[in-house]
PDB file of all heavy atoms in Angstrom:
ATOM      1  N   GLN A   1     -10.763 180.920  67.619  1.00  0.00           N
ATOM      2  CA  GLN A   1     -10.856 179.712  68.435  1.00  0.00           C
ATOM      3  C   GLN A   1     -10.906 180.052  69.927  1.00  0.00           C
ATOM      4  O   GLN A   1     -10.523 179.242  70.765  1.00  0.00           O
ATOM      5  CB  GLN A   1      -9.664 178.780  68.157  1.00  0.00           C
ATOM      6  CG  GLN A   1      -9.637 178.259  66.737  1.00  0.00           C
ATOM      7  CD  GLN A   1      -8.432 177.402  66.409  1.00  0.00           C
ATOM      8  OE1 GLN A   1      -8.413 176.727  65.383  1.00  0.00           O
ATOM      9  NE2 GLN A   1      -7.403 177.420  67.255  1.00  0.00           N
ATOM     10  N   GLY A   2     -11.358 181.244  70.246  1.00  0.00           N
ATOM     11  CA  GLY A   2     -11.476 181.635  71.639  1.00  0.00           C
ATOM     12  C   GLY A   2     -10.146 181.713  72.362  1.00  0.00           C
ATOM     13  O   GLY A   2     -10.081 181.544  73.579  1.00  0.00           O
ATOM     14  N   GLY A   3      -9.070 181.972  71.615  1.00  0.00           N
ATOM     15  CA  GLY A   3      -7.751 182.071  72.225  1.00  0.00           C
ATOM     16  C   GLY A   3      -7.060 180.744  72.425  1.00  0.00           C
ATOM     17  O   GLY A   3      -5.974 180.698  73.017  1.00  0.00           O
ATOM     18  N   ASN A   4      -7.634 179.652  71.929  1.00  0.00           N
ATOM     19  CA  ASN A   4      -6.985 178.337  72.020  1.00  0.00           C
ATOM     20  C   ASN A   4      -5.902 178.259  70.955  1.00  0.00           C
ATOM     21  O   ASN A   4      -6.198 178.348  69.759  1.00  0.00           O
ATOM     22  CB  ASN A   4      -8.017 177.225  71.823  1.00  0.00           C
ATOM     23  CG  ASN A   4      -7.487 175.849  72.188  1.00  0.00           C
ATOM     24  OD1 ASN A   4      -6.336 175.518  71.910  1.00  0.00           O
ATOM     25  ND2 ASN A   4      -8.334 175.031  72.797  1.00  0.00           N
ATOM     26  N   ASN A   5      -4.641 178.087  71.360  1.00  0.00           N
ATOM     27  CA  ASN A   5      -3.555 178.022  70.374  1.00  0.00           C
ATOM     28  C   ASN A   5      -3.026 176.602  70.206  1.00  0.00           C
ATOM     29  O   ASN A   5      -1.927 176.405  69.697  1.00  0.00           O
ATOM     30  CB  ASN A   5      -2.424 178.993  70.729  1.00  0.00           C
ATOM     31  CG  ASN A   5      -1.573 178.521  71.903  1.00  0.00           C
ATOM     32  OD1 ASN A   5      -1.932 177.598  72.630  1.00  0.00           O
ATOM     33  ND2 ASN A   5      -0.424 179.163  72.090  1.00  0.00           N
ATOM     34  N   ASN A   6      -3.842 175.622  70.603  1.00  0.00           N
ATOM     35  CA  ASN A   6      -3.443 174.213  70.430  1.00  0.00           C
ATOM     36  C   ASN A   6      -4.701 173.355  70.328  1.00  0.00           C
ATOM     37  O   ASN A   6      -4.900 172.419  71.109  1.00  0.00           O
ATOM     38  CB  ASN A   6      -2.579 173.749  71.603  1.00  0.00           C
ATOM     39  CG  ASN A   6      -1.966 172.375  71.372  1.00  0.00           C
ATOM     40  OD1 ASN A   6      -1.591 172.040  70.263  1.00  0.00           O
ATOM     41  ND2 ASN A   6      -1.869 171.577  72.419  1.00  0.00           N
ATOM     42  N   ALA A   7      -5.533 173.628  69.338  1.00  0.00           N
ATOM     43  CA  ALA A   7      -6.844 172.982  69.224  1.00  0.00           C
ATOM     44  C   ALA A   7      -6.757 171.605  68.571  1.00  0.00           C
ATOM     45  O   ALA A   7      -7.660 171.195  67.841  1.00  0.00           O
ATOM     46  CB  ALA A   7      -7.792 173.885  68.448  1.00  0.00           C
ATOM     47  N   TYR A   8      -5.697 170.861  68.874  1.00  0.00           N
ATOM     48  CA  TYR A   8      -5.471 169.565  68.236  1.00  0.00           C
ATOM     49  C   TYR A   8      -6.557 168.546  68.568  1.00  0.00           C
ATOM     50  O   TYR A   8      -6.783 167.597  67.809  1.00  0.00           O
ATOM     51  CB  TYR A   8      -4.112 169.007  68.666  1.00  0.00           C
ATOM     52  CG  TYR A   8      -4.092 168.399  70.049  1.00  0.00           C
ATOM     53  CD1 TYR A   8      -4.152 167.021  70.218  1.00  0.00           C
ATOM     54  CD2 TYR A   8      -4.047 169.200  71.182  1.00  0.00           C
ATOM     55  CE1 TYR A   8      -4.156 166.461  71.486  1.00  0.00           C
ATOM     56  CE2 TYR A   8      -4.045 168.652  72.444  1.00  0.00           C
ATOM     57  CZ  TYR A   8      -4.101 167.279  72.603  1.00  0.00           C
ATOM     58  OH  TYR A   8      -4.113 166.729  73.855  1.00  0.00           O
ATOM     59  N   CYS A   9      -7.237 168.727  69.701  1.00  0.00           N
ATOM     60  CA  CYS A   9      -8.228 167.746  70.147  1.00  0.00           C
ATOM     61  C   CYS A   9      -9.638 168.306  70.114  1.00  0.00           C
ATOM     62  O   CYS A   9     -10.556 167.708  70.693  1.00  0.00           O
ATOM     63  CB  CYS A   9      -7.881 167.264  71.557  1.00  0.00           C
ATOM     64  SG  CYS A   9      -7.761 168.597  72.786  1.00  0.00           S
ATOM     65  N   GLN A  10      -9.841 169.408  69.429  1.00  0.00           N
ATOM     66  CA  GLN A  10     -11.138 170.076  69.438  1.00  0.00           C
ATOM     67  C   GLN A  10     -11.902 169.819  68.138  1.00  0.00           C
ATOM     68  O   GLN A  10     -11.964 170.657  67.251  1.00  0.00           O
ATOM     69  CB  GLN A  10     -10.950 171.581  69.682  1.00  0.00           C
ATOM     70  CG  GLN A  10     -10.317 171.919  71.012  1.00  0.00           C
ATOM     71  CD  GLN A  10     -11.155 171.447  72.183  1.00  0.00           C
ATOM     72  OE1 GLN A  10     -12.383 171.382  72.103  1.00  0.00           O
ATOM     73  NE2 GLN A  10     -10.494 171.102  73.285  1.00  0.00           N
ATOM     74  N   ASP A  11     -12.473 168.623  68.055  1.00  0.00           N
ATOM     75  CA  ASP A  11     -13.311 168.265  66.910  1.00  0.00           C
ATOM     76  C   ASP A  11     -14.734 168.738  67.207  1.00  0.00           C
ATOM     77  O   ASP A  11     -15.661 167.940  67.394  1.00  0.00           O
ATOM     78  CB  ASP A  11     -13.254 166.753  66.682  1.00  0.00           C
ATOM     79  CG  ASP A  11     -13.965 166.327  65.407  1.00  0.00           C
ATOM     80  OD1 ASP A  11     -14.403 167.219  64.648  1.00  0.00           O
ATOM     81  OD2 ASP A  11     -14.088 165.113  65.176  1.00  0.00           O
ATOM     82  N   ASN A  12     -14.884 170.044  67.237  1.00  0.00           N
ATOM     83  CA  ASN A  12     -16.147 170.666  67.624  1.00  0.00           C
ATOM     84  C   ASN A  12     -16.117 172.112  67.131  1.00  0.00           C
ATOM     85  O   ASN A  12     -15.266 172.473  66.312  1.00  0.00           O
ATOM     86  CB  ASN A  12     -16.334 170.591  69.141  1.00  0.00           C
ATOM     87  CG  ASN A  12     -15.101 171.081  69.895  1.00  0.00           C
ATOM     88  OD1 ASN A  12     -14.534 172.123  69.558  1.00  0.00           O
ATOM     89  ND2 ASN A  12     -14.659 170.332  70.904  1.00  0.00           N
ATOM     90  N   GLU A  13     -16.990 172.930  67.639  1.00  0.00           N
ATOM     91  CA  GLU A  13     -17.093 174.288  67.128  1.00  0.00           C
ATOM     92  C   GLU A  13     -15.875 175.144  67.438  1.00  0.00           C
ATOM     93  O   GLU A  13     -15.681 176.191  66.824  1.00  0.00           O
ATOM     94  CB  GLU A  13     -18.366 174.952  67.658  1.00  0.00           C
ATOM     95  CG  GLU A  13     -19.627 174.310  67.073  1.00  0.00           C
ATOM     96  CD  GLU A  13     -20.884 175.093  67.376  1.00  0.00           C
ATOM     97  OE1 GLU A  13     -20.792 176.107  68.102  1.00  0.00           O
ATOM     98  OE2 GLU A  13     -21.954 174.700  66.884  1.00  0.00           O
ATOM     99  N   ILE A  14     -15.035 174.717  68.379  1.00  0.00           N
ATOM    100  CA  ILE A  14     -13.775 175.437  68.595  1.00  0.00           C
ATOM    101  C   ILE A  14     -12.871 175.258  67.386  1.00  0.00           C
ATOM    102  O   ILE A  14     -12.258 176.217  66.894  1.00  0.00           O
ATOM    103  CB  ILE A  14     -13.073 174.942  69.870  1.00  0.00           C
ATOM    104  CG1 ILE A  14     -13.884 175.304  71.110  1.00  0.00           C
ATOM    105  CG2 ILE A  14     -11.656 175.533  69.970  1.00  0.00           C
ATOM    106  CD1 ILE A  14     -13.306 174.762  72.403  1.00  0.00           C
ATOM    107  N   GLY A  15     -12.771 174.032  66.886  1.00  0.00           N
ATOM    108  CA  GLY A  15     -11.856 173.725  65.798  1.00  0.00           C
ATOM    109  C   GLY A  15     -12.438 173.906  64.409  1.00  0.00           C
ATOM    110  O   GLY A  15     -11.685 173.977  63.438  1.00  0.00           O
ATOM    111  N   TRP A  16     -13.771 173.955  64.288  1.00  0.00           N
ATOM    112  CA  TRP A  16     -14.396 174.100  62.978  1.00  0.00           C
ATOM    113  C   TRP A  16     -14.497 175.578  62.581  1.00  0.00           C
ATOM    114  O   TRP A  16     -14.649 176.458  63.433  1.00  0.00           O
ATOM    115  CB  TRP A  16     -15.806 173.502  62.998  1.00  0.00           C
ATOM    116  CG  TRP A  16     -15.865 172.060  63.389  1.00  0.00           C
ATOM    117  CD1 TRP A  16     -14.851 171.133  63.327  1.00  0.00           C
ATOM    118  CD2 TRP A  16     -17.008 171.379  63.923  1.00  0.00           C
ATOM    119  NE1 TRP A  16     -15.294 169.921  63.781  1.00  0.00           N
ATOM    120  CE2 TRP A  16     -16.613 170.032  64.156  1.00  0.00           C
ATOM    121  CE3 TRP A  16     -18.312 171.760  64.222  1.00  0.00           C
ATOM    122  CZ2 TRP A  16     -17.483 169.083  64.674  1.00  0.00           C
ATOM    123  CZ3 TRP A  16     -19.194 170.815  64.730  1.00  0.00           C
ATOM    124  CH2 TRP A  16     -18.779 169.495  64.951  1.00  0.00           C
ATOM    125  N   LEU A  17     -14.439 175.839  61.291  1.00  0.00           N
ATOM    126  CA  LEU A  17     -14.551 177.217  60.808  1.00  0.00           C
ATOM    127  C   LEU A  17     -15.956 177.757  61.060  1.00  0.00           C
ATOM    128  O   LEU A  17     -16.959 177.088  60.795  1.00  0.00           O
ATOM    129  CB  LEU A  17     -14.234 177.298  59.315  1.00  0.00           C
ATOM    130  CG  LEU A  17     -12.828 176.884  58.878  1.00  0.00           C
ATOM    131  CD1 LEU A  17     -12.581 177.310  57.437  1.00  0.00           C
ATOM    132  CD2 LEU A  17     -11.753 177.460  59.792  1.00  0.00           C
ATOM    133  N   ASP A  18     -16.001 178.989  61.545  1.00  0.00           N
ATOM    134  CA  ASP A  18     -17.262 179.617  61.936  1.00  0.00           C
ATOM    135  C   ASP A  18     -17.841 180.394  60.758  1.00  0.00           C
ATOM    136  O   ASP A  18     -17.853 181.634  60.740  1.00  0.00           O
ATOM    137  CB  ASP A  18     -17.007 180.538  63.135  1.00  0.00           C
ATOM    138  CG  ASP A  18     -18.293 181.063  63.753  1.00  0.00           C
ATOM    139  OD1 ASP A  18     -19.385 180.655  63.303  1.00  0.00           O
ATOM    140  OD2 ASP A  18     -18.207 181.890  64.669  1.00  0.00           O
ATOM    141  N   TRP A  19     -18.358 179.662  59.782  1.00  0.00           N
ATOM    142  CA  TRP A  19     -18.921 180.294  58.593  1.00  0.00           C
ATOM    143  C   TRP A  19     -20.087 181.236  58.905  1.00  0.00           C
ATOM    144  O   TRP A  19     -20.221 182.285  58.258  1.00  0.00           O
ATOM    145  CB  TRP A  19     -19.356 179.232  57.588  1.00  0.00           C
ATOM    146  CG  TRP A  19     -18.212 178.575  56.893  1.00  0.00           C
ATOM    147  CD1 TRP A  19     -17.654 177.365  57.179  1.00  0.00           C
ATOM    148  CD2 TRP A  19     -17.457 179.102  55.799  1.00  0.00           C
ATOM    149  NE1 TRP A  19     -16.605 177.107  56.335  1.00  0.00           N
ATOM    150  CE2 TRP A  19     -16.462 178.153  55.472  1.00  0.00           C
ATOM    151  CE3 TRP A  19     -17.525 180.283  55.068  1.00  0.00           C
ATOM    152  CZ2 TRP A  19     -15.550 178.356  54.449  1.00  0.00           C
ATOM    153  CZ3 TRP A  19     -16.617 180.489  54.034  1.00  0.00           C
ATOM    154  CH2 TRP A  19     -15.646 179.526  53.737  1.00  0.00           C
ATOM    155  N   PRO A  20     -20.956 180.913  59.866  1.00  0.00           N
ATOM    156  CA  PRO A  20     -22.076 181.834  60.122  1.00  0.00           C
ATOM    157  C   PRO A  20     -21.638 183.246  60.503  1.00  0.00           C
ATOM    158  O   PRO A  20     -22.397 184.203  60.315  1.00  0.00           O
ATOM    159  CB  PRO A  20     -22.829 181.149  61.269  1.00  0.00           C
ATOM    160  CG  PRO A  20     -22.536 179.688  61.088  1.00  0.00           C
ATOM    161  CD  PRO A  20     -21.112 179.650  60.608  1.00  0.00           C
ATOM    162  N   GLN A  21     -20.417 183.382  61.042  1.00  0.00           N
ATOM    163  CA  GLN A  21     -19.924 184.706  61.444  1.00  0.00           C
ATOM    164  C   GLN A  21     -18.877 185.254  60.472  1.00  0.00           C
ATOM    165  O   GLN A  21     -18.138 186.177  60.815  1.00  0.00           O
ATOM    166  CB  GLN A  21     -19.325 184.629  62.849  1.00  0.00           C
ATOM    167  CG  GLN A  21     -20.301 184.181  63.926  1.00  0.00           C
ATOM    168  CD  GLN A  21     -21.484 185.124  64.058  1.00  0.00           C
ATOM    169  OE1 GLN A  21     -21.326 186.343  64.011  1.00  0.00           O
ATOM    170  NE2 GLN A  21     -22.679 184.560  64.205  1.00  0.00           N
ATOM    171  N   ALA A  22     -18.812 184.712  59.277  1.00  0.00           N
ATOM    172  CA  ALA A  22     -17.776 185.117  58.324  1.00  0.00           C
ATOM    173  C   ALA A  22     -17.908 186.591  57.947  1.00  0.00           C
ATOM    174  O   ALA A  22     -19.005 187.093  57.694  1.00  0.00           O
ATOM    175  CB  ALA A  22     -17.852 184.250  57.074  1.00  0.00           C
ATOM    176  N   ASP A  23     -16.767 187.273  57.906  1.00  0.00           N
ATOM    177  CA  ASP A  23     -16.686 188.690  57.546  1.00  0.00           C
ATOM    178  C   ASP A  23     -16.507 188.790  56.032  1.00  0.00           C
ATOM    179  O   ASP A  23     -15.416 188.595  55.501  1.00  0.00           O
ATOM    180  CB  ASP A  23     -15.501 189.313  58.283  1.00  0.00           C
ATOM    181  CG  ASP A  23     -15.364 190.812  58.040  1.00  0.00           C
ATOM    182  OD1 ASP A  23     -15.889 191.312  57.036  1.00  0.00           O
ATOM    183  OD2 ASP A  23     -14.689 191.472  58.853  1.00  0.00           O
ATOM    184  N   GLU A  24     -17.578 189.106  55.329  1.00  0.00           N
ATOM    185  CA  GLU A  24     -17.550 189.156  53.869  1.00  0.00           C
ATOM    186  C   GLU A  24     -16.598 190.234  53.363  1.00  0.00           C
ATOM    187  O   GLU A  24     -15.934 190.060  52.336  1.00  0.00           O
ATOM    188  CB  GLU A  24     -18.960 189.383  53.318  1.00  0.00           C
ATOM    189  CG  GLU A  24     -19.829 188.157  53.323  1.00  0.00           C
ATOM    190  CD  GLU A  24     -19.326 187.102  52.338  1.00  0.00           C
ATOM    191  OE1 GLU A  24     -18.878 187.468  51.238  1.00  0.00           O
ATOM    192  OE2 GLU A  24     -19.374 185.903  52.683  1.00  0.00           O
ATOM    193  N   ALA A  25     -16.530 191.343  54.061  1.00  0.00           N
ATOM    194  CA  ALA A  25     -15.643 192.424  53.626  1.00  0.00           C
ATOM    195  C   ALA A  25     -14.183 191.990  53.705  1.00  0.00           C
ATOM    196  O   ALA A  25     -13.367 192.353  52.839  1.00  0.00           O
ATOM    197  CB  ALA A  25     -15.877 193.664  54.480  1.00  0.00           C
ATOM    198  N   LEU A  26     -13.838 191.199  54.720  1.00  0.00           N
ATOM    199  CA  LEU A  26     -12.461 190.740  54.849  1.00  0.00           C
ATOM    200  C   LEU A  26     -12.129 189.723  53.764  1.00  0.00           C
ATOM    201  O   LEU A  26     -11.009 189.700  53.246  1.00  0.00           O
ATOM    202  CB  LEU A  26     -12.235 190.144  56.237  1.00  0.00           C
ATOM    203  CG  LEU A  26     -10.782 189.853  56.618  1.00  0.00           C
ATOM    204  CD1 LEU A  26      -9.935 191.121  56.553  1.00  0.00           C
ATOM    205  CD2 LEU A  26     -10.707 189.237  58.010  1.00  0.00           C
ATOM    206  N   ILE A  27     -13.104 188.892  53.411  1.00  0.00           N
ATOM    207  CA  ILE A  27     -12.887 187.959  52.293  1.00  0.00           C
ATOM    208  C   ILE A  27     -12.596 188.739  51.016  1.00  0.00           C
ATOM    209  O   ILE A  27     -11.656 188.424  50.270  1.00  0.00           O
ATOM    210  CB  ILE A  27     -14.108 187.042  52.093  1.00  0.00           C
ATOM    211  CG1 ILE A  27     -14.322 186.135  53.307  1.00  0.00           C
ATOM    212  CG2 ILE A  27     -13.937 186.192  50.833  1.00  0.00           C
ATOM    213  CD1 ILE A  27     -15.584 185.288  53.234  1.00  0.00           C
ATOM    214  N   ALA A  28     -13.390 189.765  50.759  1.00  0.00           N
ATOM    215  CA  ALA A  28     -13.194 190.575  49.548  1.00  0.00           C
ATOM    216  C   ALA A  28     -11.830 191.251  49.557  1.00  0.00           C
ATOM    217  O   ALA A  28     -11.152 191.333  48.518  1.00  0.00           O
ATOM    218  CB  ALA A  28     -14.315 191.604  49.428  1.00  0.00           C
ATOM    219  N   PHE A  29     -11.414 191.757  50.711  1.00  0.00           N
ATOM    220  CA  PHE A  29     -10.103 192.394  50.833  1.00  0.00           C
ATOM    221  C   PHE A  29      -8.987 191.389  50.541  1.00  0.00           C
ATOM    222  O   PHE A  29      -8.044 191.688  49.781  1.00  0.00           O
ATOM    223  CB  PHE A  29      -9.953 192.968  52.237  1.00  0.00           C
ATOM    224  CG  PHE A  29      -8.576 193.484  52.553  1.00  0.00           C
ATOM    225  CD1 PHE A  29      -8.107 194.658  51.993  1.00  0.00           C
ATOM    226  CD2 PHE A  29      -7.744 192.783  53.416  1.00  0.00           C
ATOM    227  CE1 PHE A  29      -6.831 195.138  52.285  1.00  0.00           C
ATOM    228  CE2 PHE A  29      -6.475 193.248  53.718  1.00  0.00           C
ATOM    229  CZ  PHE A  29      -6.016 194.429  53.152  1.00  0.00           C
ATOM    230  N   THR A  30      -9.092 190.189  51.104  1.00  0.00           N
ATOM    231  CA  THR A  30      -8.071 189.165  50.873  1.00  0.00           C
ATOM    232  C   THR A  30      -8.032 188.770  49.406  1.00  0.00           C
ATOM    233  O   THR A  30      -6.952 188.597  48.823  1.00  0.00           O
ATOM    234  CB  THR A  30      -8.346 187.932  51.758  1.00  0.00           C
ATOM    235  OG1 THR A  30      -8.490 188.347  53.119  1.00  0.00           O
ATOM    236  CG2 THR A  30      -7.215 186.929  51.653  1.00  0.00           C
TER     237      THR A  30
END
């Protein structure tokens, strides 16, 4: 979230999950 630790009012790309940049290897690890 670009270092935002209180995104309560960010109904936009700050607050939404960034699927286009998802790390597939990290998903597999988890």
